Amino acid sequence: MTTVGANGVDLGVESFGDPDAPLVLLVGGTTMLSWPDGLCEHLAAGGRRVVRYDLRDSGQSTTVDPETPNYTLRDLAADAAALADALDGRPAHLAGIGVGGMVAQLAVLEHPGAFRALTLVGTRAVAPGKCDPDLPDHDQATMNRLFALPMPDWTDRNAVAEFAAAGAEILGDAPDIARATAARIWEGTPGTTPAIQMANQLGTVFSTLDCTPRWRERLSRIHVPTLVVHGRRDPFFPLGNGEAIAREIPGAQLLVLDDAATAVPEAAVEEVAEAMLSLTSDSRRP
């Protein structure tokens, strides 16, 4: 892991595969560890250079004050374009998961020359907050159970890991994987204050981030090969959100993971990797 300067900030990155291979850039949601190691390794084995990175105010990236961010969603989209250019200089395959998928959608819309393909995993086409009337919102029963969990001591690694495992069980994800991932995030976060640790684990920065203007109405302007991956059992961004994105982006492919919720499960890693590789199967190094 290292950091790369892009768009005036330092972004924490981790690379897999041949540095001369075509680039697949994975937007964290919010940290890079939202992307499973196995998926990165499968993509690299398929002839890609894979780079996953932390959004601002998370992981190894520039962190100032996640409770009052001085940047917008558009700035995060510009980060992605600048990072792709700094790493490779050619259009990249951009992939975003969760809130990182919102960053990825806007990045391709605002910086179309920077990207040659798009993958969106477990996300939606409207910003955090009130959902469009035609899209399914968070499952309320699930949210009630999540919000009933007592907050952990964010300075206690084990308490944070157990909190993540309990949340994953409620969401329908694998608690053991969530526990291990949360511990890795905690250990890799330079800042030790509760607000920073909480932002790394829960992406709380998005609750105050300026996500205007809307971008859903512009999805038809995306003309790069696009893959939409969504868990059939996702209670946070229910499947209808992924289906809407796939309908509104011309030619987009929809891959529904029947046994998945919000995360990419280990059993689906190979399937998702192969679908991503097929988007740019003609990729060759000049």
Protein backbone atom coordinates (compact mmCIF):
# COMPACT_ATOMS: atom_id res chain seq x y z
CA MET A 1 0.00 0.00 0.00
CA THR A 2 1.10 3.55 -0.69
CA THR A 3 -0.36 6.98 -1.45
CA VAL A 4 -0.66 8.79 -4.76
CA GLY A 5 -1.21 12.51 -5.15
CA ALA A 6 -4.25 13.36 -7.28
CA ASN A 7 -6.46 16.43 -7.51
CA GLY A 8 -4.65 18.13 -4.66
CA VAL A 9 -5.00 15.29 -2.13
CA ASP A 10 -3.17 12.08 -1.27
CA LEU A 11 -5.14 8.89 -1.90
CA GLY A 12 -4.30 5.58 -0.28
CA VAL A 13 -3.93 2.86 -2.93
CA GLU A 14 -3.09 -0.82 -3.21
CA SER A 15 -2.07 -2.41 -6.50
CA PHE A 16 -2.37 -5.95 -7.89
CA GLY A 17 -1.03 -7.41 -11.12
CA ASP A 18 1.22 -6.25 -13.93
CA PRO A 19 1.83 -2.48 -13.71
CA ASP A 20 1.84 -2.32 -17.53
CA ALA A 21 -1.55 -4.03 -17.92
CA PRO A 22 -4.80 -2.11 -18.58
CA LEU A 23 -6.00 -0.38 -15.42
CA VAL A 24 -9.07 -1.33 -13.38
CA LEU A 25 -9.61 1.37 -10.74
CA LEU A 26 -11.76 0.35 -7.77
CA VAL A 27 -13.42 3.17 -5.82
CA GLY A 28 -13.70 2.34 -2.14
CA GLY A 29 -17.00 2.54 -0.44
CA THR A 30 -15.56 4.23 1.62
CA THR A 31 -12.26 2.37 2.14
CA MET A 32 -10.52 0.20 -0.42
CA LEU A 33 -11.29 -2.90 1.67
CA SER A 34 -14.89 -2.77 0.45
CA TRP A 35 -13.39 -4.68 -2.51
CA PRO A 36 -12.53 -8.31 -1.59
CA ASP A 37 -8.92 -9.41 -1.97
CA GLY A 38 -10.07 -12.38 -4.03
CA LEU A 39 -11.80 -10.19 -6.60
CA CYS A 40 -8.70 -8.05 -7.02
CA GLU A 41 -6.58 -11.17 -7.44
CA HIS A 42 -8.94 -12.69 -10.05
CA LEU A 43 -8.92 -9.48 -12.07
CA ALA A 44 -5.14 -9.31 -11.91
CA ALA A 45 -4.89 -12.93 -13.03
CA GLY A 46 -7.10 -11.97 -15.97
CA GLY A 47 -4.48 -9.56 -17.27
CA ARG A 48 -5.38 -6.32 -15.54
CA ARG A 49 -3.57 -3.92 -13.29
CA VAL A 50 -5.96 -3.52 -10.36
CA VAL A 51 -5.78 -0.53 -8.03
CA ARG A 52 -8.22 -0.12 -5.17
CA TYR A 53 -8.23 3.13 -3.22
CA ASP A 54 -9.60 4.91 -0.16
CA LEU A 55 -11.89 7.89 -0.57
CA ARG A 56 -10.93 11.11 1.16
CA ASP A 57 -11.36 11.05 4.93
CA SER A 58 -10.85 7.28 5.03
CA GLY A 59 -8.00 4.81 5.26
CA GLN A 60 -4.64 6.13 4.14
CA SER A 61 -6.12 9.03 2.15
CA THR A 62 -6.03 12.68 3.18
CA THR A 63 -8.17 13.05 6.29
CA VAL A 64 -9.14 16.42 7.71
CA ASP A 65 -12.57 16.41 9.34
CA PRO A 66 -15.06 13.75 8.19
CA GLU A 67 -17.83 15.39 10.22
CA THR A 68 -17.67 18.61 8.16
CA PRO A 69 -16.12 17.81 4.76
CA ASN A 70 -14.91 20.80 2.74
CA TYR A 71 -15.39 18.97 -0.59
CA THR A 72 -18.30 17.64 -2.63
CA LEU A 73 -19.27 14.49 -4.49
CA ARG A 74 -18.00 16.22 -7.63
CA ASP A 75 -14.58 16.56 -5.99
CA LEU A 76 -14.56 12.82 -5.25
CA ALA A 77 -15.43 12.17 -8.90
CA ALA A 78 -12.57 14.43 -9.97
CA ASP A 79 -10.26 12.50 -7.62
CA ALA A 80 -11.07 9.30 -9.52
CA ALA A 81 -10.31 10.87 -12.89
CA ALA A 82 -7.07 12.43 -11.64
CA LEU A 83 -5.96 9.20 -10.01
CA ALA A 84 -6.60 7.20 -13.20
CA ASP A 85 -4.47 9.70 -15.10
CA ALA A 86 -1.69 9.67 -12.52
CA LEU A 87 -1.55 5.88 -12.48
CA ASP A 88 -1.75 5.14 -16.18
CA GLY A 89 -2.58 8.07 -18.46
CA ARG A 90 -5.04 6.06 -20.55
CA PRO A 91 -8.80 5.59 -20.07
CA ALA A 92 -9.40 3.14 -17.23
CA HIS A 93 -12.12 0.69 -16.28
CA LEU A 94 -13.74 2.36 -13.25
CA ALA A 95 -15.67 0.38 -10.65
CA GLY A 96 -17.54 1.65 -7.60
CA ILE A 97 -19.26 -0.20 -4.76
CA GLY A 98 -21.94 1.22 -2.43
CA VAL A 99 -21.42 4.96 -2.05
CA GLY A 100 -18.33 4.49 -4.20
CA GLY A 101 -20.74 3.58 -6.98
CA MET A 102 -22.24 7.06 -6.72
CA VAL A 103 -18.75 8.52 -7.11
CA ALA A 104 -18.14 6.28 -10.12
CA GLN A 105 -21.36 7.25 -11.89
CA LEU A 106 -20.62 10.95 -11.55
CA ALA A 107 -16.96 10.47 -12.50
CA VAL A 108 -17.88 8.85 -15.82
CA LEU A 109 -20.46 11.55 -16.52
CA GLU A 110 -18.21 14.48 -15.64
CA HIS A 111 -14.92 13.05 -16.96
CA PRO A 112 -15.91 10.77 -19.85
CA GLY A 113 -12.48 10.85 -21.46
CA ALA A 114 -10.88 9.30 -18.38
CA PHE A 115 -12.75 6.00 -18.48
CA ARG A 116 -13.39 3.20 -20.96
CA ALA A 117 -15.70 0.96 -18.91
CA LEU A 118 -17.85 1.15 -15.78
CA THR A 119 -18.85 -1.39 -13.13
CA LEU A 120 -21.37 -0.49 -10.42
CA VAL A 121 -21.89 -2.80 -7.44
CA GLY A 122 -24.67 -2.51 -4.88
CA THR A 123 -25.41 1.16 -5.42
CA ARG A 124 -28.13 3.52 -6.62
CA ALA A 125 -28.50 6.54 -8.88
CA VAL A 126 -29.51 9.09 -6.23
CA ALA A 127 -27.49 10.55 -3.38
CA PRO A 128 -27.79 9.49 0.26
CA GLY A 129 -30.98 10.83 1.77
CA LYS A 130 -34.52 10.80 0.44
CA CYS A 131 -34.99 8.27 -2.33
CA ASP A 132 -36.85 8.86 -5.61
CA PRO A 133 -40.48 7.65 -5.37
CA ASP A 134 -40.00 4.98 -8.06
CA LEU A 135 -36.95 3.44 -6.34
CA PRO A 136 -37.07 1.08 -3.36
CA ASP A 137 -35.65 2.68 -0.23
CA HIS A 138 -33.79 0.97 2.59
CA ASP A 139 -35.74 -1.90 4.13
CA GLN A 140 -37.17 -0.25 7.21
CA ALA A 141 -37.22 -3.35 9.43
CA THR A 142 -33.56 -3.93 8.69
CA MET A 143 -32.69 -0.30 9.35
CA ASN A 144 -34.52 -0.41 12.67
CA ARG A 145 -32.43 -3.38 13.75
CA LEU A 146 -29.20 -1.71 12.56
CA PHE A 147 -29.91 1.54 14.37
CA ALA A 148 -30.78 -0.40 17.52
CA LEU A 149 -27.19 -1.65 17.76
CA PRO A 150 -25.30 0.29 20.45
CA MET A 151 -22.33 2.22 19.10
CA PRO A 152 -18.99 0.62 20.02
CA ASP A 153 -15.99 2.26 21.61
CA TRP A 154 -14.41 3.41 18.35
CA THR A 155 -10.95 3.38 19.94
CA ASP A 156 -11.29 -0.36 20.72
CA ARG A 157 -10.35 -2.56 17.74
CA ASN A 158 -12.16 -5.65 18.97
CA ALA A 159 -15.33 -3.74 19.87
CA VAL A 160 -15.42 -2.18 16.40
CA ALA A 161 -14.88 -5.57 14.74
CA GLU A 162 -17.73 -7.15 16.72
CA PHE A 163 -20.00 -4.22 15.90
CA ALA A 164 -19.28 -4.74 12.20
CA ALA A 165 -20.00 -8.45 12.48
CA ALA A 166 -23.35 -7.78 14.17
CA GLY A 167 -24.29 -5.29 11.46
CA ALA A 168 -23.30 -7.71 8.70
CA GLU A 169 -25.51 -10.41 10.19
CA ILE A 170 -28.48 -8.03 10.16
CA LEU A 171 -27.79 -7.02 6.55
CA GLY A 172 -27.37 -10.60 5.39
CA ASP A 173 -23.62 -10.47 4.80
CA ALA A 174 -20.97 -12.81 6.24
CA PRO A 175 -20.21 -11.77 9.84
CA ASP A 176 -16.77 -13.42 9.92
CA ILE A 177 -15.61 -11.56 6.82
CA ALA A 178 -17.07 -8.27 8.10
CA ARG A 179 -15.32 -8.78 11.44
CA ALA A 180 -11.94 -9.36 9.80
CA THR A 181 -12.39 -6.48 7.35
CA ALA A 182 -13.38 -4.05 10.09
CA ALA A 183 -10.29 -5.01 12.08
CA ARG A 184 -8.10 -4.38 9.01
CA ILE A 185 -9.74 -1.01 8.43
CA TRP A 186 -9.24 -0.07 12.08
CA GLU A 187 -5.58 -1.07 11.99
CA GLY A 188 -4.98 0.80 8.71
CA THR A 189 -6.52 4.07 9.83
CA PRO A 190 -3.83 6.56 10.92
CA GLY A 191 -6.32 8.73 12.80
CA THR A 192 -7.39 7.37 16.17
CA THR A 193 -10.20 9.77 17.11
CA PRO A 194 -13.69 8.22 17.33
CA ALA A 195 -15.05 10.45 14.54
CA ILE A 196 -12.37 9.28 12.11
CA GLN A 197 -12.73 5.62 13.01
CA MET A 198 -16.52 5.86 12.74
CA ALA A 199 -16.27 7.53 9.33
CA ASN A 200 -13.97 4.75 8.10
CA GLN A 201 -16.34 2.02 9.21
CA LEU A 202 -19.72 3.59 8.38
CA GLY A 203 -19.03 6.18 5.69
CA THR A 204 -20.66 8.84 7.83
CA VAL A 205 -19.04 11.59 5.76
CA PHE A 206 -21.76 11.04 3.16
CA SER A 207 -24.43 12.20 5.59
CA THR A 208 -23.10 15.75 5.31
CA LEU A 209 -21.52 15.70 1.84
CA ASP A 210 -22.88 18.04 -0.85
CA CYS A 211 -24.08 15.64 -3.57
CA THR A 212 -25.76 18.19 -5.84
CA PRO A 213 -26.63 18.43 -8.64
CA ARG A 214 -28.57 15.24 -9.33
CA TRP A 215 -27.10 12.90 -11.92
CA ARG A 216 -29.75 10.21 -12.45
CA GLU A 217 -31.35 12.12 -15.31
CA ARG A 218 -28.00 12.06 -17.15
CA LEU A 219 -27.37 8.31 -17.02
CA SER A 220 -28.42 7.95 -20.66
CA ARG A 221 -25.29 9.94 -21.55
CA ILE A 222 -23.01 7.14 -20.37
CA HIS A 223 -21.75 5.37 -23.47
CA VAL A 224 -18.99 3.13 -22.15
CA PRO A 225 -19.55 -0.61 -21.59
CA THR A 226 -21.29 -0.89 -18.23
CA LEU A 227 -21.87 -3.76 -15.81
CA VAL A 228 -24.33 -3.42 -12.91
CA VAL A 229 -23.92 -6.00 -10.14
CA HIS A 230 -26.50 -6.26 -7.38
CA GLY A 231 -27.37 -8.68 -4.60
CA ARG A 232 -30.91 -10.01 -4.75
CA ARG A 233 -31.11 -9.88 -0.94
CA ASP A 234 -29.68 -6.36 -0.51
CA PRO A 235 -31.82 -4.57 2.11
CA PHE A 236 -29.79 -1.35 2.10
CA PHE A 237 -30.04 -0.53 -1.60
CA PRO A 238 -32.69 -3.06 -2.70
CA LEU A 239 -32.40 -4.69 -6.11
CA GLY A 240 -34.76 -2.26 -7.84
CA ASN A 241 -32.02 0.37 -7.59
CA GLY A 242 -29.59 -1.70 -9.62
CA GLU A 243 -32.31 -2.62 -12.10
CA ALA A 244 -33.09 1.08 -12.63
CA ILE A 245 -29.44 1.91 -13.32
CA ALA A 246 -29.18 -0.95 -15.81
CA ARG A 247 -32.31 0.27 -17.61
CA GLU A 248 -31.18 3.88 -17.80
CA ILE A 249 -27.58 3.37 -18.98
CA PRO A 250 -27.67 2.38 -22.67
CA GLY A 251 -26.60 -1.23 -23.20
CA ALA A 252 -25.78 -1.88 -19.55
CA GLN A 253 -25.55 -5.50 -18.42
CA LEU A 254 -27.21 -6.54 -15.15
CA LEU A 255 -25.72 -9.33 -13.03
CA VAL A 256 -27.92 -10.31 -10.10
CA LEU A 257 -26.24 -12.31 -7.35
CA ASP A 258 -29.00 -14.47 -5.93
CA ASP A 259 -27.30 -15.23 -2.61
CA ALA A 260 -25.75 -11.80 -2.00
CA ALA A 261 -26.82 -8.85 0.12
CA THR A 262 -24.68 -5.68 0.31
CA ALA A 263 -21.22 -7.21 -0.14
CA VAL A 264 -19.67 -9.36 -2.88
CA PRO A 265 -19.56 -12.80 -1.21
CA GLU A 266 -16.55 -15.06 -1.65
CA ALA A 267 -18.66 -17.55 -3.63
CA ALA A 268 -19.42 -14.87 -6.26
CA VAL A 269 -15.94 -13.36 -6.63
CA GLU A 270 -14.99 -15.37 -9.72
CA GLU A 271 -18.34 -14.73 -11.44
CA VAL A 272 -18.10 -10.98 -10.86
CA ALA A 273 -14.47 -10.87 -11.96
CA GLU A 274 -15.23 -12.71 -15.20
CA ALA A 275 -18.13 -10.38 -15.95
CA MET A 276 -15.89 -7.36 -15.36
CA LEU A 277 -13.13 -8.77 -17.55
CA SER A 278 -15.59 -9.44 -20.36
CA LEU A 279 -16.50 -5.73 -20.52
CA THR A 280 -13.07 -4.94 -21.91
CA SER A 281 -12.02 -8.31 -23.31
CA ASP A 282 -10.43 -6.55 -26.25
CA SER A 283 -8.01 -4.65 -23.99
CA ARG A 284 -4.43 -4.78 -25.24
CA ARG A 285 -1.33 -2.87 -24.28
CA PRO A 286 -0.28 -0.75 -27.29
